[in-house]
Amino acid sequence: MQKTYDYTEQQVKEYAREKAQLITIREYVDGNSRDYRCYATSEDSDLVERAIGAALLAIRNGYDVDAAKATAEYVVLWENRDERHINTYDSVYIPIGDFISEN
């Protein structure tokens, strides 16, 4: 039997907004990657917030948790193609899993 989740849309909005404020950026220097946490630009914050929120609502409505997390991660990868590369695993995938395990 598939697990059901009982969180509200308001909880999702608040959580997604909070998690989208501080993100992980991945840089490549001389072939090596370096990750650092920083405050998101408004564009990055909007993107991460929408991805986390959509995934959590999909999960609440019965969609597969891993598929929703992966899809949210790939949506951000698809949209984030500039110099400032968001580490989607740290900024999207993990926060979705944390919310699910807490609720």
PDB file of N, CA and C in Angstrom:
ATOM      1  N   MET A   1       0.844  -1.183   0.000  1.00  0.00           N
ATOM      2  CA  MET A   1       0.000   0.000   0.000  1.00  0.00           C
ATOM      3  C   MET A   1       0.892   1.251   0.000  1.00  0.00           C
ATOM      4  N   GLN A   2       0.534   2.210  -0.841  1.00  0.00           N
ATOM      5  CA  GLN A   2       1.307   3.434  -0.948  1.00  0.00           C
ATOM      6  C   GLN A   2       1.037   4.343   0.246  1.00  0.00           C
ATOM      7  N   LYS A   3       2.099   4.943   0.766  1.00  0.00           N
ATOM      8  CA  LYS A   3       1.957   5.842   1.896  1.00  0.00           C
ATOM      9  C   LYS A   3       1.231   7.108   1.460  1.00  0.00           C
ATOM     10  N   THR A   4       0.386   7.629   2.330  1.00  0.00           N
ATOM     11  CA  THR A   4      -0.297   8.889   2.049  1.00  0.00           C
ATOM     12  C   THR A   4       0.299   9.983   2.942  1.00  0.00           C
ATOM     13  N   TYR A   5       0.233  11.188   2.470  1.00  0.00           N
ATOM     14  CA  TYR A   5       0.795  12.325   3.194  1.00  0.00           C
ATOM     15  C   TYR A   5      -0.312  13.326   3.468  1.00  0.00           C
ATOM     16  N   ASP A   6      -0.246  13.937   4.644  1.00  0.00           N
ATOM     17  CA  ASP A   6      -1.342  14.774   5.117  1.00  0.00           C
ATOM     18  C   ASP A   6      -0.895  16.213   5.377  1.00  0.00           C
ATOM     19  N   TYR A   7       0.014  16.720   4.586  1.00  0.00           N
ATOM     20  CA  TYR A   7       0.441  18.104   4.785  1.00  0.00           C
ATOM     21  C   TYR A   7      -0.384  19.022   3.887  1.00  0.00           C
ATOM     22  N   THR A   8      -0.407  20.290   4.263  1.00  0.00           N
ATOM     23  CA  THR A   8      -1.243  21.250   3.537  1.00  0.00           C
ATOM     24  C   THR A   8      -0.444  21.989   2.466  1.00  0.00           C
ATOM     25  N   GLU A   9      -1.172  22.593   1.551  1.00  0.00           N
ATOM     26  CA  GLU A   9      -0.535  23.405   0.520  1.00  0.00           C
ATOM     27  C   GLU A   9       0.191  24.595   1.154  1.00  0.00           C
ATOM     28  N   GLN A  10      -0.370  25.140   2.222  1.00  0.00           N
ATOM     29  CA  GLN A  10       0.280  26.262   2.914  1.00  0.00           C
ATOM     30  C   GLN A  10       1.620  25.820   3.513  1.00  0.00           C
ATOM     31  N   GLN A  11       1.667  24.637   4.111  1.00  0.00           N
ATOM     32  CA  GLN A  11       2.933  24.112   4.634  1.00  0.00           C
ATOM     33  C   GLN A  11       3.958  23.970   3.510  1.00  0.00           C
ATOM     34  N   VAL A  12       3.515  23.492   2.374  1.00  0.00           N
ATOM     35  CA  VAL A  12       4.401  23.326   1.219  1.00  0.00           C
ATOM     36  C   VAL A  12       4.936  24.681   0.772  1.00  0.00           C
ATOM     37  N   LYS A  13       4.060  25.669   0.637  1.00  0.00           N
ATOM     38  CA  LYS A  13       4.481  26.998   0.193  1.00  0.00           C
ATOM     39  C   LYS A  13       5.516  27.600   1.137  1.00  0.00           C
ATOM     40  N   GLU A  14       5.254  27.516   2.423  1.00  0.00           N
ATOM     41  CA  GLU A  14       6.180  28.086   3.407  1.00  0.00           C
ATOM     42  C   GLU A  14       7.524  27.370   3.378  1.00  0.00           C
ATOM     43  N   TYR A  15       7.498  26.058   3.324  1.00  0.00           N
ATOM     44  CA  TYR A  15       8.739  25.278   3.307  1.00  0.00           C
ATOM     45  C   TYR A  15       9.538  25.551   2.034  1.00  0.00           C
ATOM     46  N   ALA A  16       8.867  25.518   0.894  1.00  0.00           N
ATOM     47  CA  ALA A  16       9.557  25.731  -0.381  1.00  0.00           C
ATOM     48  C   ALA A  16      10.170  27.125  -0.426  1.00  0.00           C
ATOM     49  N   ARG A  17       9.444  28.118   0.041  1.00  0.00           N
ATOM     50  CA  ARG A  17       9.954  29.498   0.054  1.00  0.00           C
ATOM     51  C   ARG A  17      11.186  29.601   0.947  1.00  0.00           C
ATOM     52  N   GLU A  18      11.119  28.974   2.115  1.00  0.00           N
ATOM     53  CA  GLU A  18      12.259  29.001   3.051  1.00  0.00           C
ATOM     54  C   GLU A  18      13.487  28.326   2.449  1.00  0.00           C
ATOM     55  N   LYS A  19      13.316  27.138   1.895  1.00  0.00           N
ATOM     56  CA  LYS A  19      14.446  26.377   1.364  1.00  0.00           C
ATOM     57  C   LYS A  19      15.053  27.016   0.122  1.00  0.00           C
ATOM     58  N   ALA A  20      14.271  27.805  -0.588  1.00  0.00           N
ATOM     59  CA  ALA A  20      14.748  28.431  -1.822  1.00  0.00           C
ATOM     60  C   ALA A  20      15.596  29.674  -1.564  1.00  0.00           C
ATOM     61  N   GLN A  21      15.656  30.127  -0.331  1.00  0.00           N
ATOM     62  CA  GLN A  21      16.424  31.335  -0.022  1.00  0.00           C
ATOM     63  C   GLN A  21      17.935  31.089   0.013  1.00  0.00           C
ATOM     64  N   LEU A  22      18.344  29.946   0.504  1.00  0.00           N
ATOM     65  CA  LEU A  22      19.765  29.601   0.637  1.00  0.00           C
ATOM     66  C   LEU A  22      20.007  28.340  -0.184  1.00  0.00           C
ATOM     67  N   ILE A  23      20.823  28.447  -1.216  1.00  0.00           N
ATOM     68  CA  ILE A  23      21.038  27.325  -2.127  1.00  0.00           C
ATOM     69  C   ILE A  23      22.517  26.975  -2.195  1.00  0.00           C
ATOM     70  N   THR A  24      22.809  25.859  -2.835  1.00  0.00           N
ATOM     71  CA  THR A  24      24.193  25.446  -3.056  1.00  0.00           C
ATOM     72  C   THR A  24      24.542  25.692  -4.517  1.00  0.00           C
ATOM     73  N   ILE A  25      25.657  26.350  -4.726  1.00  0.00           N
ATOM     74  CA  ILE A  25      26.164  26.629  -6.066  1.00  0.00           C
ATOM     75  C   ILE A  25      27.381  25.744  -6.306  1.00  0.00           C
ATOM     76  N   ARG A  26      27.480  25.184  -7.500  1.00  0.00           N
ATOM     77  CA  ARG A  26      28.641  24.377  -7.880  1.00  0.00           C
ATOM     78  C   ARG A  26      29.431  25.132  -8.934  1.00  0.00           C
ATOM     79  N   GLU A  27      30.711  25.298  -8.650  1.00  0.00           N
ATOM     80  CA  GLU A  27      31.636  25.919  -9.596  1.00  0.00           C
ATOM     81  C   GLU A  27      32.676  24.887  -9.996  1.00  0.00           C
ATOM     82  N   TYR A  28      33.209  25.068 -11.170  1.00  0.00           N
ATOM     83  CA  TYR A  28      34.307  24.227 -11.642  1.00  0.00           C
ATOM     84  C   TYR A  28      35.526  25.105 -11.860  1.00  0.00           C
ATOM     85  N   VAL A  29      36.619  24.744 -11.188  1.00  0.00           N
ATOM     86  CA  VAL A  29      37.866  25.481 -11.310  1.00  0.00           C
ATOM     87  C   VAL A  29      38.963  24.483 -11.641  1.00  0.00           C
ATOM     88  N   ASP A  30      39.596  24.678 -12.780  1.00  0.00           N
ATOM     89  CA  ASP A  30      40.677  23.796 -13.222  1.00  0.00           C
ATOM     90  C   ASP A  30      40.256  22.328 -13.215  1.00  0.00           C
ATOM     91  N   GLY A  31      39.028  22.070 -13.622  1.00  0.00           N
ATOM     92  CA  GLY A  31      38.535  20.700 -13.710  1.00  0.00           C
ATOM     93  C   GLY A  31      38.026  20.118 -12.404  1.00  0.00           C
ATOM     94  N   ASN A  32      38.089  20.868 -11.325  1.00  0.00           N
ATOM     95  CA  ASN A  32      37.618  20.394 -10.021  1.00  0.00           C
ATOM     96  C   ASN A  32      36.356  21.151  -9.622  1.00  0.00           C
ATOM     97  N   SER A  33      35.428  20.439  -9.000  1.00  0.00           N
ATOM     98  CA  SER A  33      34.201  21.101  -8.568  1.00  0.00           C
ATOM     99  C   SER A  33      34.351  21.621  -7.145  1.00  0.00           C
ATOM    100  N   ARG A  34      33.653  22.712  -6.882  1.00  0.00           N
ATOM    101  CA  ARG A  34      33.627  23.314  -5.550  1.00  0.00           C
ATOM    102  C   ARG A  34      32.206  23.775  -5.293  1.00  0.00           C
ATOM    103  N   ASP A  35      31.636  23.341  -4.181  1.00  0.00           N
ATOM    104  CA  ASP A  35      30.283  23.735  -3.805  1.00  0.00           C
ATOM    105  C   ASP A  35      30.338  24.743  -2.665  1.00  0.00           C
ATOM    106  N   TYR A  36      29.423  25.703  -2.708  1.00  0.00           N
ATOM    107  CA  TYR A  36      29.306  26.641  -1.593  1.00  0.00           C
ATOM    108  C   TYR A  36      27.854  27.076  -1.457  1.00  0.00           C
ATOM    109  N   ARG A  37      27.459  27.373  -0.218  1.00  0.00           N
ATOM    110  CA  ARG A  37      26.105  27.830   0.078  1.00  0.00           C
ATOM    111  C   ARG A  37      26.067  29.347  -0.041  1.00  0.00           C
ATOM    112  N   CYS A  38      24.984  29.863  -0.581  1.00  0.00           N
ATOM    113  CA  CYS A  38      24.833  31.311  -0.683  1.00  0.00           C
ATOM    114  C   CYS A  38      23.350  31.658  -0.795  1.00  0.00           C
ATOM    115  N   TYR A  39      23.072  32.941  -0.625  1.00  0.00           N
ATOM    116  CA  TYR A  39      21.704  33.399  -0.812  1.00  0.00           C
ATOM    117  C   TYR A  39      21.373  33.373  -2.298  1.00  0.00           C
ATOM    118  N   ALA A  40      20.183  32.934  -2.597  1.00  0.00           N
ATOM    119  CA  ALA A  40      19.741  32.807  -3.991  1.00  0.00           C
ATOM    120  C   ALA A  40      19.372  34.172  -4.558  1.00  0.00           C
ATOM    121  N   THR A  41      19.614  34.324  -5.855  1.00  0.00           N
ATOM    122  CA  THR A  41      19.061  35.483  -6.551  1.00  0.00           C
ATOM    123  C   THR A  41      17.549  35.294  -6.590  1.00  0.00           C
ATOM    124  N   SER A  42      16.803  36.335  -6.910  1.00  0.00           N
ATOM    125  CA  SER A  42      15.343  36.174  -6.950  1.00  0.00           C
ATOM    126  C   SER A  42      14.943  35.178  -8.038  1.00  0.00           C
ATOM    127  N   GLU A  43      15.659  35.177  -9.154  1.00  0.00           N
ATOM    128  CA  GLU A  43      15.365  34.226 -10.233  1.00  0.00           C
ATOM    129  C   GLU A  43      15.638  32.781  -9.784  1.00  0.00           C
ATOM    130  N   ASP A  44      16.788  32.554  -9.157  1.00  0.00           N
ATOM    131  CA  ASP A  44      17.117  31.208  -8.664  1.00  0.00           C
ATOM    132  C   ASP A  44      16.134  30.773  -7.583  1.00  0.00           C
ATOM    133  N   SER A  45      15.792  31.690  -6.691  1.00  0.00           N
ATOM    134  CA  SER A  45      14.865  31.381  -5.605  1.00  0.00           C
ATOM    135  C   SER A  45      13.499  30.982  -6.151  1.00  0.00           C
ATOM    136  N   ASP A  46      12.993  31.734  -7.119  1.00  0.00           N
ATOM    137  CA  ASP A  46      11.690  31.404  -7.719  1.00  0.00           C
ATOM    138  C   ASP A  46      11.706  30.022  -8.353  1.00  0.00           C
ATOM    139  N   LEU A  47      12.775  29.720  -9.067  1.00  0.00           N
ATOM    140  CA  LEU A  47      12.898  28.430  -9.743  1.00  0.00           C
ATOM    141  C   LEU A  47      12.932  27.276  -8.743  1.00  0.00           C
ATOM    142  N   VAL A  48      13.764  27.388  -7.726  1.00  0.00           N
ATOM    143  CA  VAL A  48      13.898  26.326  -6.722  1.00  0.00           C
ATOM    144  C   VAL A  48      12.601  26.186  -5.924  1.00  0.00           C
ATOM    145  N   GLU A  49      11.991  27.305  -5.573  1.00  0.00           N
ATOM    146  CA  GLU A  49      10.724  27.264  -4.827  1.00  0.00           C
ATOM    147  C   GLU A  49       9.637  26.536  -5.611  1.00  0.00           C
ATOM    148  N   ARG A  50       9.498  26.857  -6.883  1.00  0.00           N
ATOM    149  CA  ARG A  50       8.478  26.203  -7.718  1.00  0.00           C
ATOM    150  C   ARG A  50       8.747  24.707  -7.858  1.00  0.00           C
ATOM    151  N   ALA A  51      10.000  24.331  -8.030  1.00  0.00           N
ATOM    152  CA  ALA A  51      10.343  22.917  -8.204  1.00  0.00           C
ATOM    153  C   ALA A  51      10.053  22.116  -6.931  1.00  0.00           C
ATOM    154  N   ILE A  52      10.476  22.651  -5.784  1.00  0.00           N
ATOM    155  CA  ILE A  52      10.224  21.955  -4.515  1.00  0.00           C
ATOM    156  C   ILE A  52       8.722  21.871  -4.249  1.00  0.00           C
ATOM    157  N   GLY A  53       8.022  22.982  -4.424  1.00  0.00           N
ATOM    158  CA  GLY A  53       6.576  23.003  -4.172  1.00  0.00           C
ATOM    159  C   GLY A  53       5.812  22.047  -5.060  1.00  0.00           C
ATOM    160  N   ALA A  54       6.120  22.045  -6.341  1.00  0.00           N
ATOM    161  CA  ALA A  54       5.419  21.153  -7.272  1.00  0.00           C
ATOM    162  C   ALA A  54       5.657  19.690  -6.924  1.00  0.00           C
ATOM    163  N   ALA A  55       6.897  19.347  -6.589  1.00  0.00           N
ATOM    164  CA  ALA A  55       7.200  17.958  -6.234  1.00  0.00           C
ATOM    165  C   ALA A  55       6.444  17.534  -4.980  1.00  0.00           C
ATOM    166  N   LEU A  56       6.420  18.397  -3.979  1.00  0.00           N
ATOM    167  CA  LEU A  56       5.726  18.038  -2.732  1.00  0.00           C
ATOM    168  C   LEU A  56       4.221  17.897  -2.941  1.00  0.00           C
ATOM    169  N   LEU A  57       3.644  18.738  -3.776  1.00  0.00           N
ATOM    170  CA  LEU A  57       2.212  18.589  -4.064  1.00  0.00           C
ATOM    171  C   LEU A  57       1.944  17.317  -4.858  1.00  0.00           C
ATOM    172  N   ALA A  58       2.812  16.986  -5.802  1.00  0.00           N
ATOM    173  CA  ALA A  58       2.654  15.744  -6.565  1.00  0.00           C
ATOM    174  C   ALA A  58       2.714  14.536  -5.636  1.00  0.00           C
ATOM    175  N   ILE A  59       3.664  14.550  -4.717  1.00  0.00           N
ATOM    176  CA  ILE A  59       3.813  13.434  -3.760  1.00  0.00           C
ATOM    177  C   ILE A  59       2.565  13.333  -2.883  1.00  0.00           C
ATOM    178  N   ARG A  60       2.090  14.464  -2.405  1.00  0.00           N
ATOM    179  CA  ARG A  60       0.880  14.457  -1.570  1.00  0.00           C
ATOM    180  C   ARG A  60      -0.311  13.868  -2.325  1.00  0.00           C
ATOM    181  N   ASN A  61      -0.322  14.066  -3.643  1.00  0.00           N
ATOM    182  CA  ASN A  61      -1.424  13.563  -4.465  1.00  0.00           C
ATOM    183  C   ASN A  61      -1.202  12.156  -4.996  1.00  0.00           C
ATOM    184  N   GLY A  62      -0.188  11.469  -4.462  1.00  0.00           N
ATOM    185  CA  GLY A  62      -0.028  10.053  -4.757  1.00  0.00           C
ATOM    186  C   GLY A  62       1.063   9.683  -5.742  1.00  0.00           C
ATOM    187  N   TYR A  63       1.798  10.660  -6.256  1.00  0.00           N
ATOM    188  CA  TYR A  63       2.873  10.330  -7.189  1.00  0.00           C
ATOM    189  C   TYR A  63       4.084   9.781  -6.456  1.00  0.00           C
ATOM    190  N   ASP A  64       4.874   9.009  -7.148  1.00  0.00           N
ATOM    191  CA  ASP A  64       6.053   8.366  -6.584  1.00  0.00           C
ATOM    192  C   ASP A  64       7.045   9.406  -6.058  1.00  0.00           C
ATOM    193  N   VAL A  65       7.525   9.202  -4.836  1.00  0.00           N
ATOM    194  CA  VAL A  65       8.421  10.150  -4.183  1.00  0.00           C
ATOM    195  C   VAL A  65       9.716  10.329  -4.976  1.00  0.00           C
ATOM    196  N   ASP A  66      10.367   9.240  -5.313  1.00  0.00           N
ATOM    197  CA  ASP A  66      11.649   9.344  -6.023  1.00  0.00           C
ATOM    198  C   ASP A  66      11.487   9.980  -7.401  1.00  0.00           C
ATOM    199  N   ALA A  67      10.412   9.645  -8.095  1.00  0.00           N
ATOM    200  CA  ALA A  67      10.173  10.241  -9.413  1.00  0.00           C
ATOM    201  C   ALA A  67       9.926  11.744  -9.294  1.00  0.00           C
ATOM    202  N   ALA A  68       9.175  12.160  -8.293  1.00  0.00           N
ATOM    203  CA  ALA A  68       8.894  13.583  -8.098  1.00  0.00           C
ATOM    204  C   ALA A  68      10.168  14.343  -7.734  1.00  0.00           C
ATOM    205  N   LYS A  69      10.997  13.762  -6.874  1.00  0.00           N
ATOM    206  CA  LYS A  69      12.260  14.421  -6.502  1.00  0.00           C
ATOM    207  C   LYS A  69      13.172  14.562  -7.712  1.00  0.00           C
ATOM    208  N   ALA A  70      13.296  13.502  -8.491  1.00  0.00           N
ATOM    209  CA  ALA A  70      14.168  13.526  -9.666  1.00  0.00           C
ATOM    210  C   ALA A  70      13.651  14.511 -10.716  1.00  0.00           C
ATOM    211  N   THR A  71      12.353  14.536 -10.924  1.00  0.00           N
ATOM    212  CA  THR A  71      11.783  15.456 -11.906  1.00  0.00           C
ATOM    213  C   THR A  71      12.022  16.905 -11.486  1.00  0.00           C
ATOM    214  N   ALA A  72      11.818  17.206 -10.223  1.00  0.00           N
ATOM    215  CA  ALA A  72      12.063  18.567  -9.731  1.00  0.00           C
ATOM    216  C   ALA A  72      13.526  18.955  -9.939  1.00  0.00           C
ATOM    217  N   GLU A  73      14.409  18.020  -9.662  1.00  0.00           N
ATOM    218  CA  GLU A  73      15.837  18.271  -9.847  1.00  0.00           C
ATOM    219  C   GLU A  73      16.148  18.578 -11.315  1.00  0.00           C
ATOM    220  N   TYR A  74      15.572  17.817 -12.219  1.00  0.00           N
ATOM    221  CA  TYR A  74      15.827  18.018 -13.647  1.00  0.00           C
ATOM    222  C   TYR A  74      15.174  19.282 -14.201  1.00  0.00           C
ATOM    223  N   VAL A  75      14.046  19.688 -13.643  1.00  0.00           N
ATOM    224  CA  VAL A  75      13.435  20.951 -14.066  1.00  0.00           C
ATOM    225  C   VAL A  75      14.396  22.105 -13.771  1.00  0.00           C
ATOM    226  N   VAL A  76      14.992  22.093 -12.593  1.00  0.00           N
ATOM    227  CA  VAL A  76      15.946  23.153 -12.242  1.00  0.00           C
ATOM    228  C   VAL A  76      17.180  23.064 -13.128  1.00  0.00           C
ATOM    229  N   LEU A  77      17.674  21.856 -13.370  1.00  0.00           N
ATOM    230  CA  LEU A  77      18.827  21.709 -14.274  1.00  0.00           C
ATOM    231  C   LEU A  77      18.514  22.268 -15.659  1.00  0.00           C
ATOM    232  N   TRP A  78      17.330  21.993 -16.157  1.00  0.00           N
ATOM    233  CA  TRP A  78      16.935  22.434 -17.494  1.00  0.00           C
ATOM    234  C   TRP A  78      16.890  23.959 -17.582  1.00  0.00           C
ATOM    235  N   GLU A  79      16.336  24.584 -16.550  1.00  0.00           N
ATOM    236  CA  GLU A  79      16.148  26.031 -16.561  1.00  0.00           C
ATOM    237  C   GLU A  79      17.405  26.805 -16.156  1.00  0.00           C
ATOM    238  N   ASN A  80      18.297  26.180 -15.412  1.00  0.00           N
ATOM    239  CA  ASN A  80      19.471  26.865 -14.856  1.00  0.00           C
ATOM    240  C   ASN A  80      20.695  26.558 -15.703  1.00  0.00           C
ATOM    241  N   ARG A  81      20.879  27.347 -16.748  1.00  0.00           N
ATOM    242  CA  ARG A  81      21.984  27.082 -17.668  1.00  0.00           C
ATOM    243  C   ARG A  81      22.973  28.238 -17.748  1.00  0.00           C
ATOM    244  N   ASP A  82      23.018  29.062 -16.722  1.00  0.00           N
ATOM    245  CA  ASP A  82      23.940  30.184 -16.773  1.00  0.00           C
ATOM    246  C   ASP A  82      25.237  29.864 -16.026  1.00  0.00           C
ATOM    247  N   GLU A  83      26.042  30.850 -15.807  1.00  0.00           N
ATOM    248  CA  GLU A  83      27.331  30.670 -15.131  1.00  0.00           C
ATOM    249  C   GLU A  83      27.162  30.189 -13.690  1.00  0.00           C
ATOM    250  N   ARG A  84      26.101  30.585 -13.070  1.00  0.00           N
ATOM    251  CA  ARG A  84      25.847  30.266 -11.659  1.00  0.00           C
ATOM    252  C   ARG A  84      25.052  28.955 -11.608  1.00  0.00           C
ATOM    253  N   HIS A  85      25.747  27.856 -11.523  1.00  0.00           N
ATOM    254  CA  HIS A  85      25.129  26.531 -11.614  1.00  0.00           C
ATOM    255  C   HIS A  85      24.627  26.069 -10.242  1.00  0.00           C
ATOM    256  N   ILE A  86      23.319  25.882 -10.124  1.00  0.00           N
ATOM    257  CA  ILE A  86      22.728  25.401  -8.872  1.00  0.00           C
ATOM    258  C   ILE A  86      23.010  23.914  -8.725  1.00  0.00           C
ATOM    259  N   ASN A  87      23.526  23.521  -7.569  1.00  0.00           N
ATOM    260  CA  ASN A  87      23.686  22.109  -7.251  1.00  0.00           C
ATOM    261  C   ASN A  87      22.295  21.600  -6.878  1.00  0.00           C
ATOM    262  N   THR A  88      21.643  20.931  -7.808  1.00  0.00           N
ATOM    263  CA  THR A  88      20.239  20.550  -7.623  1.00  0.00           C
ATOM    264  C   THR A  88      20.047  19.440  -6.593  1.00  0.00           C
ATOM    265  N   TYR A  89      21.040  18.605  -6.417  1.00  0.00           N
ATOM    266  CA  TYR A  89      20.914  17.549  -5.412  1.00  0.00           C
ATOM    267  C   TYR A  89      20.794  18.182  -4.023  1.00  0.00           C
ATOM    268  N   ASP A  90      21.693  19.108  -3.709  1.00  0.00           N
ATOM    269  CA  ASP A  90      21.674  19.754  -2.393  1.00  0.00           C
ATOM    270  C   ASP A  90      20.524  20.748  -2.241  1.00  0.00           C
ATOM    271  N   SER A  91      20.181  21.444  -3.316  1.00  0.00           N
ATOM    272  CA  SER A  91      19.217  22.533  -3.227  1.00  0.00           C
ATOM    273  C   SER A  91      17.765  22.123  -3.469  1.00  0.00           C
ATOM    274  N   VAL A  92      17.537  20.977  -4.113  1.00  0.00           N
ATOM    275  CA  VAL A  92      16.175  20.562  -4.467  1.00  0.00           C
ATOM    276  C   VAL A  92      15.870  19.155  -3.940  1.00  0.00           C
ATOM    277  N   TYR A  93      16.646  18.171  -4.354  1.00  0.00           N
ATOM    278  CA  TYR A  93      16.378  16.767  -4.053  1.00  0.00           C
ATOM    279  C   TYR A  93      16.371  16.502  -2.537  1.00  0.00           C
ATOM    280  N   ILE A  94      17.423  16.934  -1.859  1.00  0.00           N
ATOM    281  CA  ILE A  94      17.533  16.687  -0.406  1.00  0.00           C
ATOM    282  C   ILE A  94      16.428  17.407   0.381  1.00  0.00           C
ATOM    283  N   PRO A  95      16.149  18.699   0.120  1.00  0.00           N
ATOM    284  CA  PRO A  95      15.065  19.347   0.874  1.00  0.00           C
ATOM    285  C   PRO A  95      13.705  18.667   0.698  1.00  0.00           C
ATOM    286  N   ILE A  96      13.428  18.149  -0.487  1.00  0.00           N
ATOM    287  CA  ILE A  96      12.153  17.441  -0.698  1.00  0.00           C
ATOM    288  C   ILE A  96      12.128  16.190   0.185  1.00  0.00           C
ATOM    289  N   GLY A  97      13.202  15.430   0.166  1.00  0.00           N
ATOM    290  CA  GLY A  97      13.278  14.225   1.004  1.00  0.00           C
ATOM    291  C   GLY A  97      13.191  14.543   2.484  1.00  0.00           C
ATOM    292  N   ASP A  98      13.820  15.638   2.914  1.00  0.00           N
ATOM    293  CA  ASP A  98      13.749  16.038   4.328  1.00  0.00           C
ATOM    294  C   ASP A  98      12.325  16.359   4.727  1.00  0.00           C
ATOM    295  N   PHE A  99      11.604  17.086   3.888  1.00  0.00           N
ATOM    296  CA  PHE A  99      10.217  17.438   4.203  1.00  0.00           C
ATOM    297  C   PHE A  99       9.360  16.179   4.322  1.00  0.00           C
ATOM    298  N   ILE A 100       9.535  15.271   3.393  1.00  0.00           N
ATOM    299  CA  ILE A 100       8.745  14.028   3.395  1.00  0.00           C
ATOM    300  C   ILE A 100       9.028  13.219   4.654  1.00  0.00           C
ATOM    301  N   SER A 101      10.293  13.101   5.039  1.00  0.00           N
ATOM    302  CA  SER A 101      10.597  12.293   6.225  1.00  0.00           C
ATOM    303  C   SER A 101      10.140  12.953   7.513  1.00  0.00           C
ATOM    304  N   GLU A 102       9.967  14.278   7.505  1.00  0.00           N
ATOM    305  CA  GLU A 102       9.470  14.978   8.693  1.00  0.00           C
ATOM    306  C   GLU A 102       7.950  14.997   8.758  1.00  0.00           C
ATOM    307  N   ASN A 103       7.296  14.687   7.654  1.00  0.00           N
ATOM    308  CA  ASN A 103       5.822  14.765   7.623  1.00  0.00           C
ATOM    309  C   ASN A 103       5.281  13.390   7.333  1.00  0.00           C
TER     310      ASN A 103
END
